[in-house]
C-alpha cells in the first residue's frame, strides 16, 4: 500500500485525478475570495483588533458553504447563471439594479487588486508600482480573451496554491496558540461603530456577491464544456453525482478560503497589532510593515501571495461582472467562446479591467475606497441572497430539485446573519 502511494502508480494517480476533477468552480471561487482586497480587509481586522476577529472566520464558514452551494445548484439545475434567471423570473428593475451595483463594486475591486499587486512587486524588486499594476492587469485580460475556458481553468487551479504562502508565513512566527483557540471559539463582541463595521467588512469579503455570480456561471461553463452533460432539469439522472461533486468542491474551496483568511488575520494580529501598528490600508502596506517585525522570509511570502492571488481574483471579478451583465442583457456569454462569438461579454471584461488599471493612474485612490467597497458588498449581498433563496425554492426554476431543508436553513441563516450585521452597523453609526 505504501509503495503504491509513494511511487505514484496507477491507483494512486487515479485517486488523485478523481479528487482533482471534483475540484473546480468551488475551489477557484473560494480561492478568489482571498484576493488582495480581501487580504487588506483581513489585515485591517487583525492589525486593529488582534485575535478578537478570528471567530468571524469560523462563524462564516458553514454559512458561506451553504449560500455558495445554493448558487452552484441554481446554475447546474437550470443551465443558466443568476442574472439570466433573475431576468426571466423577476422585474427588470431588479436585475438592472443588482447588475449595476455588482459592476461598480467589481471594478473598484479590480482597481484595488491590480494596484496592490503592483505595490507588492515594487516592494520585492523595486520600480514603478503603477506600471507593474498595468502589466498584471493586461496579462490577466489577455489570458481571459485568448485562452479557452477548459485550458484557462487549469491555470486558475494551480494559482490557488499561491494562498499557501499565508499559511506558511504564520509558522515563521511565535504564536500563542492557546489564546488563538480561545479567541476562535469564544466570540468577542464590542458595540462600537468601528468594530461592527469591521465585522460587516469581513462578512462582505467572505460572503460576497461576485462569488455567487461566478460559481453559478462556472457550473454553466462546466456543463457546456462537456457534450454529455445537460442541465439537471433535462437530465435528472445526473443529479446525484453532480450534487455530490458540488458539495465536496464547495466545502473544500470555502474551507481553503476561510483557512487562509484565518491565517492572514492571525499573522497581522501577532505582529502588527502586538507592536501597536493598527492603521493598515492596503495589503502591500501590511506586507511592508511585516518586514521588520516578522523577517524577510515572512515578508516575501506575504508579498508574493498578493501577486498570486491577484492573478487569480482579477479574472473572477471581471468575469463575474461580465456574466451578470450578459445574463441581464441576454447576450452570448462564456469563457469557452471566442471574442467574436461573445463580443458584449468580453467587452465588459475588457472595460472593467481597463478602467481598474486606469484608476491607478488617476488622483482617485481606489485603495481608500476598498474598505467601504467590502462594506457595500455586505450591504448589497442581502437582497441578492434573498432573491437567490427564493429562486432556489421555486419549482419553476429548479423543477424537482428545489433545495432541501438543511440547505434552506443554511442559506437563510447566512442571509439573516448578513442582514443583522448590516443593521447593527447602521444602528451604531446612527447612535
Protein backbone atom coordinates (compact mmCIF):
# COMPACT_ATOMS: atom_id res chain seq x y z
CA UNK A 1 0.00 0.00 0.00
CA UNK A 2 2.73 2.47 0.97
CA UNK A 3 4.75 1.58 -2.10
CA UNK A 4 1.75 2.19 -4.37
CA UNK A 5 1.20 5.59 -2.83
CA UNK A 6 4.75 6.86 -2.89
CA UNK A 7 5.78 5.57 -6.29
CA UNK A 8 2.86 7.24 -8.00
CA UNK A 9 1.44 4.07 -9.56
CA UNK A 10 -1.87 3.92 -11.39
CA UNK A 11 -4.23 3.50 -8.37
CA UNK A 12 -2.73 6.49 -6.53
CA UNK A 13 -2.78 8.63 -9.67
CA UNK A 14 -6.37 7.59 -10.37
CA UNK A 15 -7.48 8.61 -6.87
CA UNK A 16 -5.64 11.95 -7.11
CA UNK A 17 -7.10 12.58 -10.56
CA UNK A 18 -10.59 11.72 -9.34
CA UNK A 19 -10.34 14.21 -6.46
CA UNK A 20 -8.82 16.91 -8.63
CA UNK A 21 -11.67 16.60 -11.13
CA UNK A 22 -14.16 17.17 -8.33
CA UNK A 23 -12.46 20.47 -7.55
CA UNK A 24 -13.23 23.30 -9.93
CA UNK A 25 -15.78 26.12 -9.58
CA UNK A 26 -15.93 25.83 -5.77
CA UNK A 27 -12.16 25.75 -5.28
CA UNK A 28 -11.50 28.65 -7.64
CA UNK A 29 -14.38 30.69 -6.20
CA UNK A 30 -13.14 30.17 -2.65
CA UNK A 31 -9.54 30.99 -3.52
CA UNK A 32 -10.58 34.12 -5.44
CA UNK A 33 -12.30 35.31 -2.27
CA UNK A 34 -8.85 35.86 -0.74
CA UNK A 35 -7.86 38.48 -3.30
CA UNK A 36 -5.59 41.44 -2.46
CA UNK A 37 -8.71 43.39 -1.45
CA UNK A 38 -9.70 40.61 0.92
CA UNK A 39 -6.14 40.38 2.22
CA UNK A 40 -6.29 44.11 3.02
CA UNK A 41 -9.61 43.70 4.87
CA UNK A 42 -8.33 40.74 6.89
CA UNK A 43 -5.06 42.58 7.59
CA UNK A 44 -7.01 45.59 8.86
CA UNK A 45 -9.09 43.33 11.10
CA UNK A 46 -6.03 41.62 12.57
CA UNK A 47 -3.99 44.78 12.97
CA UNK A 48 -6.79 46.77 14.58
CA UNK A 49 -8.41 44.14 16.81
CA UNK A 50 -5.76 41.45 17.19
CA UNK A 51 -7.10 37.95 17.82
CA UNK A 52 -10.62 39.24 18.51
CA UNK A 53 -11.70 38.84 14.86
CA UNK A 54 -10.71 35.19 14.46
CA UNK A 55 -14.16 33.92 15.49
CA UNK A 56 -15.75 35.56 12.44
CA UNK A 57 -13.94 33.16 10.09
CA UNK A 58 -15.20 30.08 11.92
CA UNK A 59 -18.71 31.55 12.08
CA UNK A 60 -18.94 32.38 8.39
CA UNK A 61 -17.67 29.03 7.07
CA UNK A 62 -20.91 26.97 7.16
CA UNK A 63 -22.92 29.98 6.02
CA UNK A 64 -20.55 30.58 3.14
CA UNK A 65 -20.70 26.92 2.09
CA UNK A 66 -24.50 26.94 2.23
CA UNK A 67 -25.05 30.03 0.09
CA UNK A 68 -22.38 29.03 -2.45
CA UNK A 69 -23.90 25.55 -2.84
CA UNK A 70 -27.25 27.24 -3.49
CA UNK A 71 -25.74 29.42 -6.23
CA UNK A 72 -23.96 26.43 -7.79
CA UNK A 73 -27.10 24.30 -7.79
CA UNK A 74 -29.14 27.06 -9.41
CA UNK A 75 -26.61 27.18 -12.26
CA UNK A 76 -26.30 23.40 -12.70
CA UNK A 77 -30.05 22.67 -12.41
CA UNK A 78 -31.34 25.49 -14.62
CA UNK A 79 -28.41 25.67 -17.04
CA UNK A 80 -28.41 29.46 -16.59
CA UNK A 81 -26.49 31.91 -14.44
CA UNK A 82 -28.02 34.01 -11.68
CA UNK A 83 -28.56 37.11 -13.81
CA UNK A 84 -30.30 35.13 -16.55
CA UNK A 85 -32.65 33.54 -14.02
CA UNK A 86 -33.38 36.89 -12.33
CA UNK A 87 -34.11 38.44 -15.74
CA UNK A 88 -36.62 35.72 -16.60
CA UNK A 89 -38.42 35.49 -13.27
CA UNK A 90 -38.20 38.91 -11.59
CA UNK A 91 -38.93 42.57 -12.53
CA UNK A 92 -36.49 44.20 -14.96
CA UNK A 93 -35.57 46.96 -12.49
CA UNK A 94 -34.29 44.37 -10.00
CA UNK A 95 -31.81 42.69 -12.32
CA UNK A 96 -30.61 46.07 -13.64
CA UNK A 97 -30.03 47.42 -10.13
CA UNK A 98 -28.25 44.28 -8.95
CA UNK A 99 -26.03 44.10 -12.04
CA UNK A 100 -25.16 47.81 -11.93
CA UNK A 101 -24.09 47.60 -8.27
CA UNK A 102 -22.10 44.45 -8.94
CA UNK A 103 -20.31 46.02 -11.92
CA UNK A 104 -19.32 49.12 -9.93
CA UNK A 105 -18.17 47.12 -6.88
CA UNK A 106 -16.18 44.67 -9.02
CA UNK A 107 -14.46 47.45 -10.98
CA UNK A 108 -13.38 49.12 -7.73
CA UNK A 109 -12.11 45.76 -6.50
CA UNK A 110 -10.16 45.21 -9.72
CA UNK A 111 -8.57 48.65 -9.36
CA UNK A 112 -7.60 47.89 -5.77
CA UNK A 113 -6.30 44.42 -6.64
CA UNK A 114 -4.07 45.40 -9.55
CA UNK A 115 -2.76 48.37 -7.52
CA UNK A 116 -1.94 46.05 -4.62
CA UNK A 117 -0.20 43.61 -6.98
CA UNK A 118 1.85 46.46 -8.42
CA UNK A 119 2.83 47.69 -4.96
CA UNK A 120 3.80 44.16 -3.90
CA UNK A 121 6.01 43.73 -6.97
CA UNK A 122 7.60 47.11 -6.33
CA UNK A 123 8.35 46.13 -2.72
CA UNK A 124 10.09 42.93 -3.85
CA UNK A 125 12.07 44.09 -6.91
CA UNK A 126 11.73 47.89 -6.97
CA UNK A 127 10.41 50.01 -9.83
CA UNK A 128 7.11 51.71 -10.59
CA UNK A 129 4.14 50.08 -8.87
CA UNK A 130 1.70 51.66 -11.34
CA UNK A 131 3.37 50.14 -14.38
CA UNK A 132 3.59 46.75 -12.68
CA UNK A 133 -0.16 47.05 -11.97
CA UNK A 134 -0.84 47.82 -15.63
CA UNK A 135 1.21 44.82 -16.76
CA UNK A 136 -0.61 42.46 -14.38
CA UNK A 137 -3.98 43.80 -15.50
CA UNK A 138 -3.18 43.45 -19.20
CA UNK A 139 -1.81 39.92 -18.76
CA UNK A 140 -4.99 38.90 -16.93
CA UNK A 141 -7.15 40.40 -19.68
CA UNK A 142 -5.23 38.68 -22.48
CA UNK A 143 -5.41 35.30 -20.73
CA UNK A 144 -9.18 35.57 -20.44
CA UNK A 145 -9.70 36.66 -24.03
CA UNK A 146 -7.34 34.30 -25.84
CA UNK A 147 -7.28 31.08 -23.77
CA UNK A 148 -10.39 28.83 -23.83
CA UNK A 149 -12.06 28.11 -20.51
CA UNK A 150 -11.16 24.40 -20.42
CA UNK A 151 -7.45 25.31 -20.56
CA UNK A 152 -7.67 28.51 -18.53
CA UNK A 153 -9.39 26.80 -15.59
CA UNK A 154 -6.35 24.54 -15.14
CA UNK A 155 -4.18 27.64 -14.82
CA UNK A 156 -6.56 29.06 -12.19
CA UNK A 157 -6.48 25.82 -10.20
CA UNK A 158 -2.68 25.98 -9.94
CA UNK A 159 -2.84 29.64 -8.89
CA UNK A 160 -4.80 28.64 -5.79
CA UNK A 161 -1.50 27.29 -4.42
CA UNK A 162 -0.33 30.90 -4.01
CA UNK A 163 -2.60 31.15 -0.98
CA UNK A 164 -0.45 28.64 0.91
CA UNK A 165 2.05 31.48 1.36
CA UNK A 166 -0.16 32.86 4.13
CA UNK A 167 -0.31 29.54 5.92
CA UNK A 168 3.46 29.20 5.70
CA UNK A 169 4.02 32.76 6.95
CA UNK A 170 2.37 32.00 10.30
CA UNK A 171 4.82 29.21 11.06
CA UNK A 172 7.72 31.64 10.88
CA UNK A 173 6.26 33.48 13.91
CA UNK A 174 5.80 32.93 17.64
CA UNK A 175 2.06 32.28 18.03
CA UNK A 176 0.20 31.95 21.38
CA UNK A 177 -1.90 29.01 20.23
CA UNK A 178 -3.92 28.70 23.44
CA UNK A 179 -5.08 32.31 23.13
CA UNK A 180 -5.78 31.71 19.44
CA UNK A 181 -8.04 28.76 20.26
CA UNK A 182 -9.90 30.79 22.88
CA UNK A 183 -10.44 33.74 20.51
CA UNK A 184 -11.58 31.41 17.71
CA UNK A 185 -14.24 29.52 19.66
CA UNK A 186 -15.38 32.26 22.08
CA UNK A 187 -16.63 35.33 20.16
CA UNK A 188 -15.54 38.74 21.37
CA UNK A 189 -18.15 41.44 20.75
CA UNK A 190 -17.90 45.22 21.03
CA UNK A 191 -20.78 47.61 20.47
CA UNK A 192 -18.80 50.25 18.63
CA UNK A 193 -19.13 51.59 15.06
CA UNK A 194 -15.57 50.61 14.11
CA UNK A 195 -15.87 47.04 15.42
CA UNK A 196 -19.31 46.41 13.87
CA UNK A 197 -18.24 47.95 10.55
CA UNK A 198 -15.17 45.72 10.52
CA UNK A 199 -17.37 42.66 11.08
CA UNK A 200 -19.56 43.73 8.14
CA UNK A 201 -16.42 44.24 6.03
CA UNK A 202 -15.18 40.74 6.91
CA UNK A 203 -18.61 39.26 6.21
CA UNK A 204 -18.81 41.23 2.96
CA UNK A 205 -15.42 39.87 1.93
CA UNK A 206 -16.16 36.22 2.75
CA UNK A 207 -19.80 36.22 1.59
CA UNK A 208 -19.59 38.42 -1.49
CA UNK A 209 -21.99 38.90 -4.44
CA UNK A 210 -19.42 38.33 -7.16
CA UNK A 211 -18.76 34.86 -5.75
CA UNK A 212 -22.43 33.93 -6.18
CA UNK A 213 -22.49 35.00 -9.81
CA UNK A 214 -19.13 33.42 -10.62
CA UNK A 215 -19.79 29.97 -9.18
CA UNK A 216 -23.25 29.69 -10.78
CA UNK A 217 -21.80 30.74 -14.13
CA UNK A 218 -18.89 28.33 -13.83
CA UNK A 219 -21.31 25.47 -13.31
CA UNK A 220 -22.92 26.50 -16.58
CA UNK A 221 -19.49 26.69 -18.25
CA UNK A 222 -18.62 23.19 -16.98
CA UNK A 223 -21.95 21.95 -18.27
CA UNK A 224 -21.48 23.48 -21.74
CA UNK A 225 -17.87 22.27 -21.97
CA UNK A 226 -18.96 18.62 -21.67
CA UNK A 227 -21.18 17.34 -24.52
CA UNK A 228 -22.53 14.55 -22.31
CA UNK A 229 -23.71 16.96 -19.59
CA UNK A 230 -27.08 18.68 -19.53
CA UNK A 231 -28.96 20.98 -17.18
CA UNK A 232 -30.24 18.73 -14.41
CA UNK A 233 -33.84 19.66 -15.13
CA UNK A 234 -33.32 17.98 -18.50
CA UNK A 235 -31.11 15.13 -17.22
CA UNK A 236 -32.26 14.28 -13.66
CA UNK A 237 -30.31 11.01 -13.73
CA UNK A 238 -27.10 13.09 -13.46
CA UNK A 239 -28.29 14.95 -10.36
CA UNK A 240 -26.90 12.72 -7.63
CA UNK A 241 -23.33 12.73 -8.96
CA UNK A 242 -23.28 16.49 -9.63
CA UNK A 243 -24.86 17.45 -6.31
CA UNK A 244 -22.22 15.37 -4.51
CA UNK A 245 -19.43 16.96 -6.57
CA UNK A 246 -20.79 20.46 -5.87
CA UNK A 247 -20.92 19.82 -2.12
CA UNK A 248 -17.38 18.41 -1.99
CA UNK A 249 -15.97 21.10 -4.27
CA UNK A 250 -17.65 23.93 -2.37
CA UNK A 251 -16.87 22.62 1.11
CA UNK A 252 -13.16 22.25 0.24
CA UNK A 253 -13.00 25.54 -1.68
CA UNK A 254 -14.65 27.61 1.05
CA UNK A 255 -12.67 25.76 3.72
CA UNK A 256 -9.45 26.64 1.91
CA UNK A 257 -10.61 30.25 1.58
CA UNK A 258 -11.52 30.63 5.24
CA UNK A 259 -8.37 28.86 6.43
CA UNK A 260 -6.24 31.36 4.54
CA UNK A 261 -8.33 34.29 5.83
CA UNK A 262 -7.84 32.94 9.36
CA UNK A 263 -4.05 32.85 8.94
CA UNK A 264 -3.93 36.37 7.48
CA UNK A 265 -5.79 37.76 10.49
CA UNK A 266 -3.57 35.70 12.78
CA UNK A 267 -0.34 36.85 11.10
CA UNK A 268 -1.21 40.54 11.37
CA UNK A 269 -2.60 40.11 14.90
CA UNK A 270 0.59 38.57 16.36
CA UNK A 271 2.87 41.01 14.54
CA UNK A 272 1.31 44.37 13.66
CA UNK A 273 -1.31 44.58 16.44
CA UNK A 274 1.14 43.31 19.03
CA UNK A 275 3.56 46.12 18.12
CA UNK A 276 0.89 48.84 18.07
CA UNK A 277 0.58 49.08 14.28
CA UNK A 278 -3.19 49.28 13.86
CA UNK A 279 -3.68 51.58 10.85
CA UNK A 280 -3.35 49.38 7.75
CA UNK A 281 -4.98 50.49 4.48
CA UNK A 282 -3.57 48.07 1.90
CA UNK A 283 -2.28 44.52 1.67
CA UNK A 284 1.08 45.83 0.41
CA UNK A 285 1.30 48.14 3.43
CA UNK A 286 0.68 45.12 5.65
CA UNK A 287 3.49 43.26 3.88
CA UNK A 288 5.88 46.19 4.30
CA UNK A 289 5.01 46.52 7.99
CA UNK A 290 5.68 42.80 8.49
CA UNK A 291 9.25 43.09 7.16
CA UNK A 292 10.98 44.48 10.28
CA UNK A 293 8.74 42.51 12.66
CA UNK A 294 8.50 39.03 11.13
CA UNK A 295 11.60 38.92 8.98
CA UNK A 296 12.46 38.83 5.29
CA UNK A 297 11.04 35.36 4.60
CA UNK A 298 7.58 36.18 6.00
CA UNK A 299 7.63 39.48 4.09
CA UNK A 300 8.42 37.75 0.76
CA UNK A 301 5.76 35.08 1.35
CA UNK A 302 3.14 37.71 2.15
CA UNK A 303 4.08 39.89 -0.84
CA UNK A 304 4.29 37.02 -3.35
CA UNK A 305 0.91 35.80 -2.16
CA UNK A 306 -0.61 39.18 -3.05
CA UNK A 307 0.56 38.84 -6.65
CA UNK A 308 -0.54 35.21 -6.99
CA UNK A 309 -3.99 35.75 -5.51
CA UNK A 310 -4.44 38.88 -7.60
CA UNK A 311 -3.81 36.95 -10.80
CA UNK A 312 -6.49 34.51 -9.64
CA UNK A 313 -9.01 37.10 -8.45
CA UNK A 314 -8.95 39.70 -11.24
CA UNK A 315 -10.37 37.34 -13.88
CA UNK A 316 -13.02 36.18 -11.41
CA UNK A 317 -14.05 39.78 -10.67
CA UNK A 318 -14.11 40.81 -14.32
CA UNK A 319 -15.69 37.53 -15.39
CA UNK A 320 -18.47 37.59 -12.80
CA UNK A 321 -19.37 41.15 -13.84
CA UNK A 322 -19.43 40.07 -17.49
CA UNK A 323 -21.59 37.03 -16.73
CA UNK A 324 -24.02 39.25 -14.80
CA UNK A 325 -24.31 41.94 -17.49
CA UNK A 326 -24.52 39.43 -20.35
CA UNK A 327 -27.14 37.40 -18.48
CA UNK A 328 -29.20 40.50 -17.79
CA UNK A 329 -28.98 41.61 -21.44
CA UNK A 330 -29.45 38.09 -22.90
CA UNK A 331 -26.07 38.33 -24.72
CA UNK A 332 -23.91 35.42 -25.79
CA UNK A 333 -21.50 34.68 -22.97
CA UNK A 334 -18.85 32.26 -21.78
CA UNK A 335 -15.07 31.99 -21.50
CA UNK A 336 -15.17 28.98 -23.82
CA UNK A 337 -16.49 31.21 -26.63
CA UNK A 338 -14.22 33.40 -28.74
CA UNK A 339 -14.26 37.17 -28.56
CA UNK A 340 -16.06 37.36 -31.91
CA UNK A 341 -18.78 34.99 -30.65
CA UNK A 342 -19.41 36.89 -27.40
CA UNK A 343 -18.40 40.49 -28.06
CA UNK A 344 -20.52 42.10 -25.35
CA UNK A 345 -19.36 39.59 -22.74
CA UNK A 346 -15.66 40.12 -23.48
CA UNK A 347 -16.30 43.84 -23.84
CA UNK A 348 -17.41 44.00 -20.20
CA UNK A 349 -14.32 42.04 -19.14
CA UNK A 350 -12.11 44.45 -21.09
CA UNK A 351 -13.83 47.62 -19.87
CA UNK A 352 -13.89 46.63 -16.18
CA UNK A 353 -10.24 45.54 -16.28
CA UNK A 354 -9.01 48.59 -18.21
CA UNK A 355 -10.98 51.01 -16.02
CA UNK A 356 -9.49 49.28 -12.99
CA UNK A 357 -5.99 49.80 -14.41
CA UNK A 358 -6.66 53.43 -15.35
CA UNK A 359 -7.96 54.27 -11.86
CA UNK A 360 -4.45 53.51 -10.58
CA UNK A 361 -3.08 56.36 -12.76
CA UNK A 362 -5.62 58.97 -11.60
CA UNK A 363 -5.78 61.07 -8.40
CA UNK A 364 -8.63 58.78 -7.31
CA UNK A 365 -7.19 56.30 -4.86
CA UNK A 366 -9.09 53.00 -5.28
CA UNK A 367 -7.34 51.60 -2.22
CA UNK A 368 -9.05 54.11 0.09
CA UNK A 369 -12.40 53.00 -1.33
CA UNK A 370 -11.51 49.36 -0.71
CA UNK A 371 -12.69 49.06 2.87
CA UNK A 372 -16.02 50.65 2.07
CA UNK A 373 -16.29 48.52 -1.04
CA UNK A 374 -16.27 45.47 1.23
CA UNK A 375 -18.95 47.13 3.37
CA UNK A 376 -21.02 47.87 0.25
CA UNK A 377 -20.63 44.24 -0.82
CA UNK A 378 -22.01 43.23 2.57
CA UNK A 379 -25.00 45.53 2.16
CA UNK A 380 -25.93 44.51 -1.40
CA UNK A 381 -25.37 40.84 -0.59
CA UNK A 382 -28.56 40.79 1.48
CA UNK A 383 -31.12 41.48 -1.30
CA UNK A 384 -29.17 39.27 -3.73
CA UNK A 385 -29.16 36.41 -1.22
CA UNK A 386 -32.90 36.82 -0.64
CA UNK A 387 -33.53 36.58 -4.39
CA UNK A 388 -31.26 33.51 -4.64
CA UNK A 389 -33.06 31.72 -1.84
CA UNK A 390 -36.44 32.49 -3.39
CA UNK A 391 -35.20 31.15 -6.76
CA UNK A 392 -33.77 28.00 -5.17
CA UNK A 393 -37.17 27.22 -3.68
CA UNK A 394 -39.17 27.77 -6.89
CA UNK A 395 -40.09 24.70 -8.91
CA UNK A 396 -40.47 26.95 -11.97
CA UNK A 397 -36.67 27.36 -11.88
CA UNK A 398 -35.44 24.26 -10.05
CA UNK A 399 -38.05 21.73 -11.18
CA UNK A 400 -37.96 18.72 -8.84
CA UNK A 401 -34.61 19.90 -7.41
CA UNK A 402 -35.78 22.71 -5.13
CA UNK A 403 -33.33 22.87 -2.23
CA UNK A 404 -33.88 20.68 0.82
CA UNK A 405 -34.46 21.66 4.41
CA UNK A 406 -30.81 21.62 5.53
CA UNK A 407 -29.59 23.78 2.66
CA UNK A 408 -32.58 26.09 3.09
CA UNK A 409 -31.67 26.61 6.76
CA UNK A 410 -28.02 27.32 5.92
CA UNK A 411 -28.89 29.70 3.09
CA UNK A 412 -31.46 31.67 5.03
CA UNK A 413 -29.14 31.58 8.06
CA UNK A 414 -26.39 33.21 6.01
CA UNK A 415 -28.87 35.80 4.73
CA UNK A 416 -30.11 36.58 8.24
CA UNK A 417 -26.57 36.83 9.65
CA UNK A 418 -25.56 39.26 6.92
CA UNK A 419 -28.74 41.31 7.38
CA UNK A 420 -28.24 41.55 11.17
CA UNK A 421 -24.61 42.61 10.75
CA UNK A 422 -25.57 45.32 8.28
CA UNK A 423 -28.45 46.52 10.50
CA UNK A 424 -26.12 46.62 13.52
CA UNK A 425 -23.65 48.71 11.51
CA UNK A 426 -26.29 51.29 10.59
CA UNK A 427 -27.58 51.42 14.20
CA UNK A 428 -24.11 52.04 15.65
CA UNK A 429 -23.47 54.72 13.03
CA UNK A 430 -26.71 56.49 13.94
CA UNK A 431 -26.01 56.49 17.69
